[in-house]
Structures are given as C-alpha cells and as structure tokens.
N, C-alpha and C. Protein backbone atom coordinates (compact mmCIF):
# COMPACT_ATOMS: atom_id res chain seq x y z
N MET A 1 191.17 -111.14 -67.65
CA MET A 1 189.85 -111.54 -67.19
C MET A 1 189.17 -110.37 -66.48
N THR A 2 187.91 -110.15 -66.81
CA THR A 2 187.18 -109.03 -66.19
C THR A 2 186.82 -109.35 -64.74
N GLU A 3 186.52 -108.31 -64.00
CA GLU A 3 186.14 -108.49 -62.60
C GLU A 3 184.84 -109.29 -62.49
N ALA A 4 183.90 -109.03 -63.41
CA ALA A 4 182.64 -109.77 -63.41
C ALA A 4 182.89 -111.26 -63.64
N SER A 5 183.83 -111.58 -64.51
CA SER A 5 184.16 -112.99 -64.77
C SER A 5 184.76 -113.64 -63.53
N ARG A 6 185.63 -112.93 -62.85
CA ARG A 6 186.23 -113.46 -61.61
C ARG A 6 185.15 -113.72 -60.56
N GLN A 7 184.23 -112.79 -60.42
CA GLN A 7 183.17 -112.94 -59.43
C GLN A 7 182.28 -114.14 -59.76
N ALA A 8 181.98 -114.30 -61.05
CA ALA A 8 181.14 -115.43 -61.45
C ALA A 8 181.86 -116.75 -61.24
N LEU A 9 183.13 -116.82 -61.61
CA LEU A 9 183.89 -118.06 -61.44
C LEU A 9 184.01 -118.45 -59.97
N ALA A 10 184.05 -117.46 -59.10
CA ALA A 10 184.20 -117.72 -57.66
C ALA A 10 183.00 -118.47 -57.09
N ILE A 11 181.83 -118.33 -57.72
CA ILE A 11 180.63 -118.99 -57.19
C ILE A 11 180.05 -120.01 -58.17
N LEU A 12 180.74 -120.26 -59.27
CA LEU A 12 180.21 -121.15 -60.29
C LEU A 12 179.96 -122.55 -59.72
N ARG A 13 178.70 -122.97 -59.78
CA ARG A 13 178.26 -124.29 -59.30
C ARG A 13 178.74 -124.58 -57.87
N ASP A 14 178.70 -123.54 -57.04
CA ASP A 14 179.06 -123.67 -55.64
C ASP A 14 177.79 -123.96 -54.83
N PRO A 15 177.65 -125.18 -54.28
CA PRO A 15 176.41 -125.54 -53.57
C PRO A 15 176.18 -124.73 -52.30
N SER A 16 177.22 -124.10 -51.79
CA SER A 16 177.04 -123.31 -50.57
C SER A 16 176.22 -122.05 -50.82
N GLN A 17 175.98 -121.72 -52.07
CA GLN A 17 175.17 -120.55 -52.41
C GLN A 17 173.67 -120.83 -52.28
N PHE A 18 173.29 -122.07 -52.08
CA PHE A 18 171.88 -122.47 -52.11
C PHE A 18 171.02 -121.63 -51.16
N GLN A 19 169.82 -121.27 -51.67
CA GLN A 19 168.82 -120.57 -50.87
C GLN A 19 167.49 -121.31 -51.02
N TRP A 20 166.68 -121.34 -49.97
CA TRP A 20 165.46 -122.13 -49.96
C TRP A 20 164.39 -121.63 -50.93
N TYR A 21 164.48 -120.37 -51.34
CA TYR A 21 163.44 -119.85 -52.23
C TYR A 21 163.44 -120.55 -53.59
N VAL A 22 164.54 -121.26 -53.91
CA VAL A 22 164.59 -122.01 -55.17
C VAL A 22 163.51 -123.09 -55.20
N ILE A 23 163.22 -123.68 -54.06
CA ILE A 23 162.26 -124.78 -54.03
C ILE A 23 160.86 -124.34 -54.46
N PRO A 24 160.29 -123.25 -53.88
CA PRO A 24 158.97 -122.83 -54.37
C PRO A 24 159.00 -122.36 -55.82
N LEU A 25 160.12 -121.79 -56.27
CA LEU A 25 160.21 -121.41 -57.68
C LEU A 25 160.15 -122.64 -58.58
N PHE A 26 160.84 -123.69 -58.17
CA PHE A 26 160.82 -124.94 -58.93
C PHE A 26 159.42 -125.55 -58.94
N VAL A 27 158.77 -125.52 -57.79
CA VAL A 27 157.39 -126.05 -57.70
C VAL A 27 156.46 -125.25 -58.61
N LEU A 28 156.66 -123.94 -58.70
CA LEU A 28 155.85 -123.11 -59.59
C LEU A 28 156.02 -123.54 -61.04
N VAL A 29 157.25 -123.80 -61.46
CA VAL A 29 157.50 -124.27 -62.83
C VAL A 29 156.80 -125.60 -63.08
N VAL A 30 156.94 -126.52 -62.12
CA VAL A 30 156.28 -127.82 -62.26
C VAL A 30 154.77 -127.65 -62.35
N TYR A 31 154.22 -126.75 -61.54
CA TYR A 31 152.77 -126.50 -61.55
C TYR A 31 152.30 -126.00 -62.91
N VAL A 32 153.04 -125.06 -63.48
CA VAL A 32 152.67 -124.50 -64.79
C VAL A 32 152.58 -125.61 -65.84
N TYR A 33 153.57 -126.48 -65.86
CA TYR A 33 153.55 -127.57 -66.84
C TYR A 33 152.49 -128.61 -66.49
N ALA A 34 152.29 -128.86 -65.20
CA ALA A 34 151.28 -129.84 -64.78
C ALA A 34 149.88 -129.41 -65.23
N VAL A 35 149.61 -128.11 -65.15
CA VAL A 35 148.30 -127.59 -65.59
C VAL A 35 148.10 -127.84 -67.07
N GLU A 36 149.12 -127.56 -67.87
CA GLU A 36 148.98 -127.76 -69.32
C GLU A 36 148.89 -129.24 -69.68
N ILE A 37 149.62 -130.07 -68.97
CA ILE A 37 149.57 -131.51 -69.23
C ILE A 37 148.21 -132.08 -68.81
N GLU A 38 147.68 -131.58 -67.68
CA GLU A 38 146.36 -132.01 -67.24
C GLU A 38 145.31 -131.69 -68.30
N ARG A 39 145.48 -130.57 -68.96
CA ARG A 39 144.55 -130.16 -70.01
C ARG A 39 144.87 -130.81 -71.36
N ARG A 40 145.91 -131.64 -71.35
CA ARG A 40 146.41 -132.28 -72.57
C ARG A 40 146.78 -131.25 -73.64
N ASN A 41 147.28 -130.15 -73.17
CA ASN A 41 147.74 -129.10 -74.07
C ASN A 41 149.21 -129.35 -74.40
N TRP A 42 149.44 -130.43 -75.12
CA TRP A 42 150.80 -130.88 -75.39
C TRP A 42 151.58 -129.86 -76.21
N SER A 43 150.91 -129.20 -77.14
CA SER A 43 151.59 -128.22 -77.99
C SER A 43 152.20 -127.10 -77.17
N LEU A 44 151.46 -126.61 -76.19
CA LEU A 44 151.96 -125.52 -75.36
C LEU A 44 153.10 -125.98 -74.46
N ALA A 45 152.95 -127.14 -73.85
CA ALA A 45 154.01 -127.66 -72.97
C ALA A 45 155.30 -127.89 -73.75
N LEU A 46 155.19 -128.49 -74.93
CA LEU A 46 156.38 -128.79 -75.72
C LEU A 46 157.01 -127.51 -76.28
N ALA A 47 156.18 -126.55 -76.65
CA ALA A 47 156.72 -125.27 -77.12
C ALA A 47 157.45 -124.55 -76.00
N GLY A 48 156.92 -124.64 -74.76
CA GLY A 48 157.61 -124.05 -73.62
C GLY A 48 158.96 -124.69 -73.37
N LEU A 49 159.01 -126.01 -73.53
CA LEU A 49 160.28 -126.72 -73.36
C LEU A 49 161.26 -126.35 -74.47
N ALA A 50 160.75 -126.16 -75.70
CA ALA A 50 161.60 -125.75 -76.81
C ALA A 50 162.24 -124.40 -76.51
N PHE A 51 161.46 -123.48 -75.97
CA PHE A 51 161.96 -122.15 -75.60
C PHE A 51 163.08 -122.29 -74.57
N TRP A 52 162.85 -123.10 -73.56
CA TRP A 52 163.83 -123.31 -72.49
C TRP A 52 165.10 -123.96 -73.05
N GLY A 53 164.92 -124.95 -73.92
CA GLY A 53 166.07 -125.63 -74.51
C GLY A 53 166.91 -124.70 -75.37
N MET A 54 166.27 -123.79 -76.08
CA MET A 54 167.00 -122.82 -76.88
C MET A 54 167.86 -121.91 -75.99
N ASP A 55 167.34 -121.56 -74.84
CA ASP A 55 168.13 -120.74 -73.92
C ASP A 55 169.36 -121.49 -73.43
N TRP A 56 169.21 -122.76 -73.13
CA TRP A 56 170.36 -123.56 -72.70
C TRP A 56 171.44 -123.60 -73.78
N PHE A 57 171.00 -123.72 -75.04
CA PHE A 57 171.97 -123.72 -76.14
C PHE A 57 172.76 -122.42 -76.16
N ASN A 58 172.07 -121.30 -76.01
CA ASN A 58 172.75 -120.00 -75.97
C ASN A 58 173.72 -119.89 -74.81
N GLU A 59 173.32 -120.42 -73.66
CA GLU A 59 174.19 -120.32 -72.48
C GLU A 59 175.45 -121.17 -72.64
N ILE A 60 175.33 -122.27 -73.37
CA ILE A 60 176.50 -123.12 -73.61
C ILE A 60 177.52 -122.39 -74.48
N TRP A 61 177.06 -121.81 -75.61
CA TRP A 61 178.04 -121.13 -76.45
C TRP A 61 178.56 -119.86 -75.79
N ASN A 62 177.76 -119.23 -74.95
CA ASN A 62 178.24 -118.07 -74.22
C ASN A 62 179.37 -118.46 -73.26
N GLY A 63 179.21 -119.62 -72.61
CA GLY A 63 180.28 -120.11 -71.75
C GLY A 63 181.55 -120.42 -72.53
N LEU A 64 181.39 -120.94 -73.74
CA LEU A 64 182.54 -121.22 -74.59
C LEU A 64 183.25 -119.95 -75.02
N ILE A 65 182.51 -118.86 -75.22
CA ILE A 65 183.13 -117.57 -75.54
C ILE A 65 184.10 -117.18 -74.44
N PHE A 66 183.66 -117.35 -73.18
CA PHE A 66 184.56 -117.02 -72.07
C PHE A 66 185.78 -117.93 -72.07
N HIS A 67 185.58 -119.22 -72.31
CA HIS A 67 186.71 -120.15 -72.29
C HIS A 67 187.77 -119.77 -73.32
N PHE A 68 187.34 -119.46 -74.52
CA PHE A 68 188.30 -119.20 -75.59
C PHE A 68 188.89 -117.80 -75.54
N THR A 69 188.16 -116.82 -75.01
CA THR A 69 188.73 -115.47 -74.89
C THR A 69 189.55 -115.31 -73.62
N GLU A 70 189.21 -116.10 -72.60
CA GLU A 70 189.83 -116.01 -71.28
C GLU A 70 189.68 -114.60 -70.70
N ARG A 71 188.68 -113.90 -71.19
CA ARG A 71 188.41 -112.55 -70.69
C ARG A 71 186.98 -112.42 -70.19
N SER A 72 186.02 -112.64 -71.08
CA SER A 72 184.62 -112.48 -70.69
C SER A 72 183.71 -113.18 -71.67
N ALA A 73 182.61 -113.66 -71.17
CA ALA A 73 181.53 -114.14 -72.03
C ALA A 73 180.80 -112.92 -72.58
N PHE A 74 179.87 -113.12 -73.51
CA PHE A 74 179.09 -111.99 -74.01
C PHE A 74 178.25 -111.40 -72.88
N TRP A 75 177.68 -112.28 -72.05
CA TRP A 75 176.95 -111.80 -70.87
C TRP A 75 177.39 -112.63 -69.67
N THR A 76 177.48 -111.98 -68.55
CA THR A 76 177.93 -112.62 -67.31
C THR A 76 176.94 -112.29 -66.21
N ALA A 77 176.68 -113.27 -65.35
CA ALA A 77 175.74 -113.07 -64.23
C ALA A 77 176.50 -113.25 -62.91
N PRO A 78 177.21 -112.21 -62.48
CA PRO A 78 178.06 -112.34 -61.30
C PRO A 78 177.37 -112.04 -59.97
N GLY A 79 176.11 -111.63 -60.04
CA GLY A 79 175.42 -111.16 -58.83
C GLY A 79 174.98 -112.28 -57.91
N LYS A 80 174.25 -111.89 -56.88
CA LYS A 80 173.77 -112.84 -55.88
C LYS A 80 172.81 -113.84 -56.53
N THR A 81 172.99 -115.10 -56.19
CA THR A 81 172.15 -116.16 -56.74
C THR A 81 172.17 -117.35 -55.80
N ALA A 82 171.16 -118.17 -55.91
CA ALA A 82 171.13 -119.40 -55.12
C ALA A 82 171.98 -120.50 -55.75
N PHE A 83 172.29 -120.35 -57.04
CA PHE A 83 173.15 -121.32 -57.71
C PHE A 83 173.47 -120.80 -59.10
N LEU A 84 174.75 -120.68 -59.42
CA LEU A 84 175.18 -120.24 -60.74
C LEU A 84 175.48 -121.47 -61.58
N LEU A 85 174.64 -121.73 -62.56
CA LEU A 85 174.76 -122.93 -63.39
C LEU A 85 175.88 -122.81 -64.41
N LEU A 86 175.90 -121.72 -65.13
CA LEU A 86 176.94 -121.39 -66.10
C LEU A 86 177.30 -119.92 -65.91
N ILE A 87 178.33 -119.46 -66.56
CA ILE A 87 178.85 -118.13 -66.24
C ILE A 87 177.82 -117.03 -66.50
N GLY A 88 176.87 -117.27 -67.39
CA GLY A 88 175.84 -116.28 -67.65
C GLY A 88 174.45 -116.73 -67.27
N LEU A 89 174.37 -117.83 -66.56
CA LEU A 89 173.06 -118.42 -66.25
C LEU A 89 172.97 -118.86 -64.80
N ASN A 90 172.11 -118.20 -64.04
CA ASN A 90 171.86 -118.67 -62.68
C ASN A 90 170.54 -119.44 -62.63
N ILE A 91 170.27 -120.08 -61.52
CA ILE A 91 169.09 -120.93 -61.39
C ILE A 91 167.81 -120.12 -61.52
N GLU A 92 167.84 -118.88 -61.06
CA GLU A 92 166.66 -118.03 -61.14
C GLU A 92 166.31 -117.71 -62.61
N ILE A 93 167.33 -117.38 -63.40
CA ILE A 93 167.11 -117.11 -64.82
C ILE A 93 166.59 -118.35 -65.52
N SER A 94 167.18 -119.50 -65.22
CA SER A 94 166.78 -120.73 -65.89
C SER A 94 165.34 -121.10 -65.60
N LEU A 95 164.93 -120.98 -64.35
CA LEU A 95 163.54 -121.29 -63.99
C LEU A 95 162.57 -120.30 -64.64
N MET A 96 163.01 -119.06 -64.77
CA MET A 96 162.17 -118.06 -65.45
C MET A 96 161.98 -118.43 -66.92
N PHE A 97 163.06 -118.80 -67.60
CA PHE A 97 162.96 -119.18 -69.01
C PHE A 97 162.14 -120.46 -69.20
N ALA A 98 162.10 -121.29 -68.19
CA ALA A 98 161.34 -122.54 -68.30
C ALA A 98 159.84 -122.28 -68.47
N ILE A 99 159.37 -121.14 -67.95
CA ILE A 99 157.94 -120.84 -68.10
C ILE A 99 157.66 -119.63 -68.99
N LEU A 100 158.71 -118.86 -69.32
CA LEU A 100 158.49 -117.67 -70.15
C LEU A 100 157.92 -118.03 -71.51
N GLY A 101 158.40 -119.12 -72.10
CA GLY A 101 157.88 -119.52 -73.41
C GLY A 101 156.39 -119.77 -73.38
N ILE A 102 155.92 -120.42 -72.33
CA ILE A 102 154.48 -120.69 -72.20
C ILE A 102 153.71 -119.37 -72.06
N VAL A 103 154.23 -118.45 -71.27
CA VAL A 103 153.57 -117.16 -71.09
C VAL A 103 153.44 -116.43 -72.43
N LEU A 104 154.51 -116.40 -73.20
CA LEU A 104 154.50 -115.67 -74.47
C LEU A 104 153.59 -116.33 -75.49
N ILE A 105 153.55 -117.65 -75.51
CA ILE A 105 152.69 -118.34 -76.47
C ILE A 105 151.22 -118.12 -76.13
N LYS A 106 150.90 -117.97 -74.86
CA LYS A 106 149.51 -117.70 -74.48
C LYS A 106 149.03 -116.35 -75.02
N MET A 107 149.95 -115.49 -75.41
CA MET A 107 149.58 -114.20 -75.98
C MET A 107 149.21 -114.31 -77.46
N LEU A 108 149.54 -115.42 -78.10
CA LEU A 108 149.31 -115.56 -79.54
C LEU A 108 147.82 -115.68 -79.85
N PRO A 109 147.38 -115.07 -80.95
CA PRO A 109 146.01 -115.29 -81.40
C PRO A 109 145.78 -116.75 -81.77
N VAL A 110 144.57 -117.24 -81.53
CA VAL A 110 144.24 -118.62 -81.89
C VAL A 110 144.32 -118.82 -83.39
N ASP A 111 143.91 -117.82 -84.13
CA ASP A 111 143.93 -117.88 -85.60
C ASP A 111 145.33 -117.60 -86.10
N ARG A 112 145.99 -118.62 -86.63
CA ARG A 112 147.36 -118.44 -87.12
C ARG A 112 147.43 -117.49 -88.31
N GLY A 113 146.35 -117.42 -89.07
CA GLY A 113 146.36 -116.58 -90.27
C GLY A 113 146.06 -115.12 -90.02
N ARG A 114 145.68 -114.78 -88.82
CA ARG A 114 145.37 -113.38 -88.50
C ARG A 114 146.61 -112.52 -88.62
N ARG A 115 146.48 -111.35 -89.21
CA ARG A 115 147.60 -110.44 -89.37
C ARG A 115 147.48 -109.29 -88.38
N VAL A 116 148.62 -108.83 -87.90
CA VAL A 116 148.68 -107.71 -86.97
C VAL A 116 149.55 -106.64 -87.60
N TRP A 117 148.98 -105.48 -87.82
CA TRP A 117 149.68 -104.38 -88.49
C TRP A 117 150.25 -104.84 -89.84
N GLY A 118 149.52 -105.70 -90.50
CA GLY A 118 149.92 -106.17 -91.82
C GLY A 118 150.89 -107.33 -91.82
N LEU A 119 151.32 -107.77 -90.64
CA LEU A 119 152.29 -108.86 -90.54
C LEU A 119 151.61 -110.12 -90.03
N PRO A 120 152.08 -111.31 -90.46
CA PRO A 120 151.59 -112.54 -89.85
C PRO A 120 151.79 -112.46 -88.34
N ASN A 121 150.79 -112.85 -87.58
CA ASN A 121 150.84 -112.59 -86.13
C ASN A 121 152.00 -113.28 -85.44
N ARG A 122 152.42 -114.45 -85.92
CA ARG A 122 153.56 -115.13 -85.27
C ARG A 122 154.83 -114.30 -85.39
N TRP A 123 155.08 -113.76 -86.56
CA TRP A 123 156.27 -112.94 -86.76
C TRP A 123 156.15 -111.63 -85.99
N PHE A 124 154.97 -111.06 -85.96
CA PHE A 124 154.76 -109.82 -85.22
C PHE A 124 155.09 -110.00 -83.74
N PHE A 125 154.54 -111.06 -83.14
CA PHE A 125 154.76 -111.27 -81.71
C PHE A 125 156.20 -111.72 -81.43
N ALA A 126 156.81 -112.43 -82.38
CA ALA A 126 158.22 -112.80 -82.19
C ALA A 126 159.09 -111.56 -82.13
N VAL A 127 158.84 -110.61 -83.00
CA VAL A 127 159.62 -109.38 -83.02
C VAL A 127 159.33 -108.52 -81.79
N MET A 128 158.06 -108.30 -81.50
CA MET A 128 157.70 -107.41 -80.41
C MET A 128 158.12 -107.97 -79.05
N ASN A 129 157.91 -109.26 -78.84
CA ASN A 129 158.31 -109.87 -77.57
C ASN A 129 159.83 -109.89 -77.41
N SER A 130 160.54 -110.06 -78.52
CA SER A 130 162.00 -110.02 -78.46
C SER A 130 162.48 -108.63 -78.08
N ILE A 131 161.86 -107.62 -78.67
CA ILE A 131 162.22 -106.24 -78.32
C ILE A 131 161.94 -105.97 -76.83
N LEU A 132 160.79 -106.46 -76.34
CA LEU A 132 160.46 -106.28 -74.92
C LEU A 132 161.51 -106.95 -74.03
N CYS A 133 161.91 -108.16 -74.39
CA CYS A 133 162.91 -108.87 -73.59
C CYS A 133 164.25 -108.15 -73.60
N VAL A 134 164.63 -107.59 -74.74
CA VAL A 134 165.88 -106.83 -74.82
C VAL A 134 165.80 -105.60 -73.91
N CYS A 135 164.67 -104.93 -73.90
CA CYS A 135 164.49 -103.76 -73.03
C CYS A 135 164.65 -104.15 -71.56
N ILE A 136 164.11 -105.30 -71.19
CA ILE A 136 164.25 -105.78 -69.81
C ILE A 136 165.72 -106.08 -69.51
N GLU A 137 166.41 -106.67 -70.48
CA GLU A 137 167.84 -106.96 -70.27
C GLU A 137 168.64 -105.68 -70.09
N ILE A 138 168.27 -104.64 -70.81
CA ILE A 138 168.97 -103.36 -70.64
C ILE A 138 168.82 -102.87 -69.21
N LEU A 139 167.63 -103.00 -68.65
CA LEU A 139 167.40 -102.60 -67.26
C LEU A 139 168.22 -103.47 -66.31
N LEU A 140 168.29 -104.77 -66.59
CA LEU A 140 169.09 -105.67 -65.75
C LEU A 140 170.57 -105.32 -65.83
N ASN A 141 171.01 -104.94 -67.02
CA ASN A 141 172.40 -104.51 -67.19
C ASN A 141 172.67 -103.24 -66.40
N ARG A 142 171.72 -102.31 -66.46
CA ARG A 142 171.90 -101.06 -65.71
C ARG A 142 171.95 -101.32 -64.20
N ALA A 143 171.24 -102.37 -63.77
CA ALA A 143 171.22 -102.71 -62.34
C ALA A 143 172.43 -103.53 -61.93
N GLY A 144 173.24 -103.95 -62.90
CA GLY A 144 174.44 -104.74 -62.60
C GLY A 144 174.18 -106.22 -62.47
N ALA A 145 172.95 -106.66 -62.75
CA ALA A 145 172.64 -108.08 -62.65
C ALA A 145 173.20 -108.87 -63.82
N LEU A 146 173.22 -108.26 -64.99
CA LEU A 146 173.84 -108.84 -66.17
C LEU A 146 174.94 -107.88 -66.64
N VAL A 147 176.13 -108.42 -66.85
CA VAL A 147 177.26 -107.58 -67.25
C VAL A 147 177.59 -107.87 -68.71
N TRP A 148 177.67 -106.79 -69.50
CA TRP A 148 178.07 -106.88 -70.91
C TRP A 148 179.43 -106.23 -71.07
N GLU A 149 180.39 -106.97 -71.60
CA GLU A 149 181.75 -106.48 -71.72
C GLU A 149 182.06 -105.90 -73.09
N TYR A 150 181.47 -106.49 -74.13
CA TYR A 150 181.86 -106.14 -75.49
C TYR A 150 180.93 -105.08 -76.08
N SER A 151 181.51 -104.18 -76.86
CA SER A 151 180.74 -103.06 -77.41
C SER A 151 179.64 -103.51 -78.35
N TRP A 152 179.88 -104.61 -79.07
CA TRP A 152 178.86 -105.09 -80.01
C TRP A 152 177.72 -105.83 -79.32
N TRP A 153 177.87 -106.09 -78.04
CA TRP A 153 176.82 -106.72 -77.24
C TRP A 153 176.56 -105.83 -76.04
N ASN A 154 176.20 -104.61 -76.32
CA ASN A 154 176.02 -103.63 -75.24
C ASN A 154 175.20 -102.46 -75.79
N PHE A 155 174.57 -101.75 -74.90
CA PHE A 155 173.77 -100.60 -75.30
C PHE A 155 174.69 -99.52 -75.87
N PRO A 156 174.33 -98.87 -76.99
CA PRO A 156 173.07 -99.00 -77.75
C PRO A 156 173.10 -100.08 -78.84
N ASN A 157 174.20 -100.81 -78.93
CA ASN A 157 174.32 -101.85 -79.97
C ASN A 157 173.68 -103.14 -79.49
N VAL A 158 172.35 -103.16 -79.46
CA VAL A 158 171.64 -104.30 -78.90
C VAL A 158 171.01 -105.20 -79.96
N PHE A 159 171.32 -104.94 -81.24
CA PHE A 159 170.68 -105.73 -82.29
C PHE A 159 171.05 -107.20 -82.18
N LEU A 160 172.32 -107.51 -81.84
CA LEU A 160 172.71 -108.92 -81.70
C LEU A 160 171.99 -109.59 -80.54
N ILE A 161 171.71 -108.84 -79.48
CA ILE A 161 170.95 -109.40 -78.36
C ILE A 161 169.56 -109.79 -78.84
N PHE A 162 168.98 -108.94 -79.67
CA PHE A 162 167.67 -109.24 -80.27
C PHE A 162 167.78 -110.44 -81.20
N LEU A 163 168.77 -110.42 -82.10
CA LEU A 163 168.86 -111.41 -83.17
C LEU A 163 169.27 -112.79 -82.66
N LEU A 164 170.21 -112.84 -81.73
CA LEU A 164 170.71 -114.12 -81.23
C LEU A 164 170.16 -114.48 -79.86
N GLY A 165 169.83 -113.46 -79.09
CA GLY A 165 169.44 -113.71 -77.71
C GLY A 165 168.00 -114.10 -77.51
N TYR A 166 167.08 -113.58 -78.35
CA TYR A 166 165.66 -113.85 -78.10
C TYR A 166 164.86 -114.25 -79.34
N PHE A 167 165.10 -113.60 -80.45
CA PHE A 167 164.29 -113.86 -81.63
C PHE A 167 164.26 -115.34 -82.02
N PRO A 168 165.40 -116.06 -82.02
CA PRO A 168 165.33 -117.50 -82.35
C PRO A 168 164.49 -118.30 -81.36
N PHE A 169 164.51 -117.89 -80.07
CA PHE A 169 163.68 -118.58 -79.07
C PHE A 169 162.22 -118.51 -79.47
N MET A 170 161.80 -117.29 -79.83
CA MET A 170 160.40 -117.08 -80.19
C MET A 170 160.03 -117.88 -81.44
N VAL A 171 160.86 -117.76 -82.47
CA VAL A 171 160.57 -118.42 -83.74
C VAL A 171 160.46 -119.93 -83.57
N VAL A 172 161.40 -120.53 -82.88
CA VAL A 172 161.40 -121.98 -82.72
C VAL A 172 160.23 -122.43 -81.86
N SER A 173 159.97 -121.75 -80.76
CA SER A 173 158.87 -122.18 -79.88
C SER A 173 157.52 -121.99 -80.56
N PHE A 174 157.33 -120.90 -81.31
CA PHE A 174 156.08 -120.70 -82.04
C PHE A 174 155.93 -121.76 -83.13
N TRP A 175 157.03 -122.09 -83.79
CA TRP A 175 157.03 -123.12 -84.83
C TRP A 175 156.60 -124.47 -84.27
N VAL A 176 157.20 -124.82 -83.12
CA VAL A 176 156.83 -126.08 -82.47
C VAL A 176 155.36 -126.07 -82.08
N TYR A 177 154.90 -124.96 -81.53
CA TYR A 177 153.51 -124.84 -81.08
C TYR A 177 152.53 -125.06 -82.23
N ASP A 178 152.87 -124.57 -83.40
CA ASP A 178 151.96 -124.64 -84.55
C ASP A 178 152.06 -125.93 -85.36
N MET A 179 152.98 -126.80 -85.00
CA MET A 179 153.10 -128.06 -85.74
C MET A 179 151.82 -128.89 -85.62
N GLU A 180 151.46 -129.54 -86.70
CA GLU A 180 150.22 -130.31 -86.73
C GLU A 180 150.34 -131.65 -86.00
N LYS A 181 151.53 -132.24 -86.04
CA LYS A 181 151.71 -133.58 -85.49
C LYS A 181 152.49 -133.55 -84.18
N LEU A 182 151.96 -134.23 -83.18
CA LEU A 182 152.62 -134.32 -81.89
C LEU A 182 154.00 -134.96 -82.03
N ALA A 183 154.10 -135.97 -82.88
CA ALA A 183 155.37 -136.66 -83.06
C ALA A 183 156.45 -135.70 -83.56
N SER A 184 156.07 -134.80 -84.46
CA SER A 184 157.04 -133.82 -84.98
C SER A 184 157.48 -132.86 -83.88
N GLN A 185 156.56 -132.45 -83.03
CA GLN A 185 156.89 -131.56 -81.93
C GLN A 185 157.88 -132.24 -80.98
N ILE A 186 157.60 -133.49 -80.67
CA ILE A 186 158.48 -134.23 -79.75
C ILE A 186 159.87 -134.39 -80.35
N LYS A 187 159.94 -134.66 -81.64
CA LYS A 187 161.24 -134.84 -82.29
C LYS A 187 162.08 -133.57 -82.23
N VAL A 188 161.45 -132.42 -82.48
CA VAL A 188 162.19 -131.15 -82.46
C VAL A 188 162.68 -130.84 -81.05
N VAL A 189 161.80 -130.98 -80.07
CA VAL A 189 162.19 -130.71 -78.68
C VAL A 189 163.28 -131.68 -78.23
N ALA A 190 163.14 -132.94 -78.59
CA ALA A 190 164.16 -133.94 -78.24
C ALA A 190 165.50 -133.59 -78.87
N ALA A 191 165.49 -133.11 -80.12
CA ALA A 191 166.73 -132.74 -80.80
C ALA A 191 167.40 -131.56 -80.10
N ILE A 192 166.60 -130.57 -79.71
CA ILE A 192 167.15 -129.40 -79.01
C ILE A 192 167.83 -129.83 -77.72
N PHE A 193 167.15 -130.64 -76.93
CA PHE A 193 167.73 -131.05 -75.65
C PHE A 193 168.86 -132.05 -75.82
N ALA A 194 168.85 -132.81 -76.89
CA ALA A 194 169.96 -133.71 -77.16
C ALA A 194 171.24 -132.91 -77.40
N VAL A 195 171.12 -131.83 -78.18
CA VAL A 195 172.28 -130.96 -78.41
C VAL A 195 172.74 -130.33 -77.10
N ASP A 196 171.80 -129.87 -76.29
CA ASP A 196 172.14 -129.26 -75.00
C ASP A 196 172.86 -130.26 -74.08
N ILE A 197 172.30 -131.44 -73.98
CA ILE A 197 172.86 -132.45 -73.07
C ILE A 197 174.26 -132.86 -73.51
N VAL A 198 174.42 -133.08 -74.81
CA VAL A 198 175.74 -133.45 -75.32
C VAL A 198 176.73 -132.31 -75.07
N GLY A 199 176.29 -131.07 -75.34
CA GLY A 199 177.16 -129.92 -75.11
C GLY A 199 177.58 -129.79 -73.66
N LEU A 200 176.63 -129.95 -72.74
CA LEU A 200 176.95 -129.87 -71.31
C LEU A 200 177.85 -131.03 -70.88
N ALA A 201 177.57 -132.22 -71.40
CA ALA A 201 178.38 -133.38 -71.03
C ALA A 201 179.83 -133.21 -71.47
N ILE A 202 180.01 -132.68 -72.68
CA ILE A 202 181.37 -132.53 -73.21
C ILE A 202 182.07 -131.32 -72.61
N PHE A 203 181.44 -130.15 -72.73
CA PHE A 203 182.14 -128.92 -72.38
C PHE A 203 182.14 -128.61 -70.89
N ALA A 204 181.12 -129.07 -70.15
CA ALA A 204 181.10 -128.86 -68.71
C ALA A 204 181.60 -130.09 -67.96
N GLY A 205 181.11 -131.27 -68.39
CA GLY A 205 181.45 -132.49 -67.67
C GLY A 205 182.85 -133.02 -67.97
N MET A 206 183.16 -133.21 -69.23
CA MET A 206 184.43 -133.83 -69.61
C MET A 206 185.60 -132.82 -69.67
N LEU A 207 185.41 -131.74 -70.43
CA LEU A 207 186.49 -130.81 -70.67
C LEU A 207 186.62 -129.71 -69.61
N LYS A 208 185.55 -129.50 -68.84
CA LYS A 208 185.55 -128.45 -67.80
C LYS A 208 185.81 -127.07 -68.41
N TRP A 209 185.26 -126.83 -69.58
CA TRP A 209 185.46 -125.54 -70.25
C TRP A 209 184.43 -124.50 -69.84
N ILE A 210 183.27 -124.94 -69.42
CA ILE A 210 182.22 -123.97 -69.10
C ILE A 210 181.66 -124.23 -67.70
C-alpha cells in the first residue's frame, strides 16, 4: 500500500475532519441550481447534475481499483480536507464538480449547428474543456493534492485521464443539455444516479470496499 493510500484511509469519512467552510460552499452550489430552476432552465440544471453524477461513477470505480489492488487507486486525495468521501474524492472536489458542468455548458454556443475550427461545437468544447481540466489536474498533482501512482495514469501519459476522467463527463452532460424532451433528460440523469446510489450502497455500505 502506498503512503498516499495510508494517509487517505486514515481520514476516510472521518467526521472529525469537518471544517465550517463547507457550509458556504454547499450554499453556493444550492444557489447556482436555484437560479437555474427559478429561470426554469431545466436543461442546464439537469445537465449539471449529469456531469456531477458521472464524476461519482468514476470515483466509485476508482475506489474499487484500490480495493482490488490493495496498493493504490488511479488517483488518491490524501491532503487536507473537511471530509474525504472516497479515496480519491473529498467534499471540496465533489462540490466543485456539482457546479462545474453548469459553468462549462454556459460556454456552449446557442446554435448547436455552429462549427468551431471545422468541428461541431459540442465536440470541440468537449475536447478543449477536457484538455483544460487535465492541465489543471497536472498542476494539482504537482502540488501533491492529487497523487497518481501508476505510469499509465501519470504525466506525460495523461491520455487516459482525458479519455476516462473528463471527456465522458462533457459528452454526456452536453447530450443531456441538448435533448428535446424534458422527460428524456430526467430519465438519463435518474439512470446515472441510480447506478451511483446502487454502487455506493453495495460497495461502500454493504461490502465496505470503498
């Protein structure tokens, strides 16, 4: 087991780590969604939730990687936090992802058919925003906030971080945002969170694997 894994396990879901700054961060997330709901911008709110749900799915399988290797997850968050939810996910990261999808979707052109540099704009922004997020993760890794143990998930081999870590988030959230029917958007978001909830209930609640 790596030192980063030991440090993370030592504080995993430890309530004594709580810090009061989590409360205003949570209120900020609620405010962002409240504004969109007040405007009846259901597509944006649901797409933001889809983005957040996709991150939870990634964090679940990352926790399972640690369980089965008994060495390290692909990414570990052993640093200071007000609450470590999973081995690679603290409360601060989770609250950030809860609103990041909304921020990124607000960058999209209103015209879905508009092309950017010859590419459909949704695919262009999915690629470019994913690259930007990977660059930020590299900086976090350099600062020791995120620890990468495996060579295939580490600089300069960051393609998997792009492909699995962010690109699917963008594609799914943009897809949900562009759906014509509200019912379809709700079904997709509900399915994502159903998988997350079942995964957490089984692997964290029942089996204590993550």
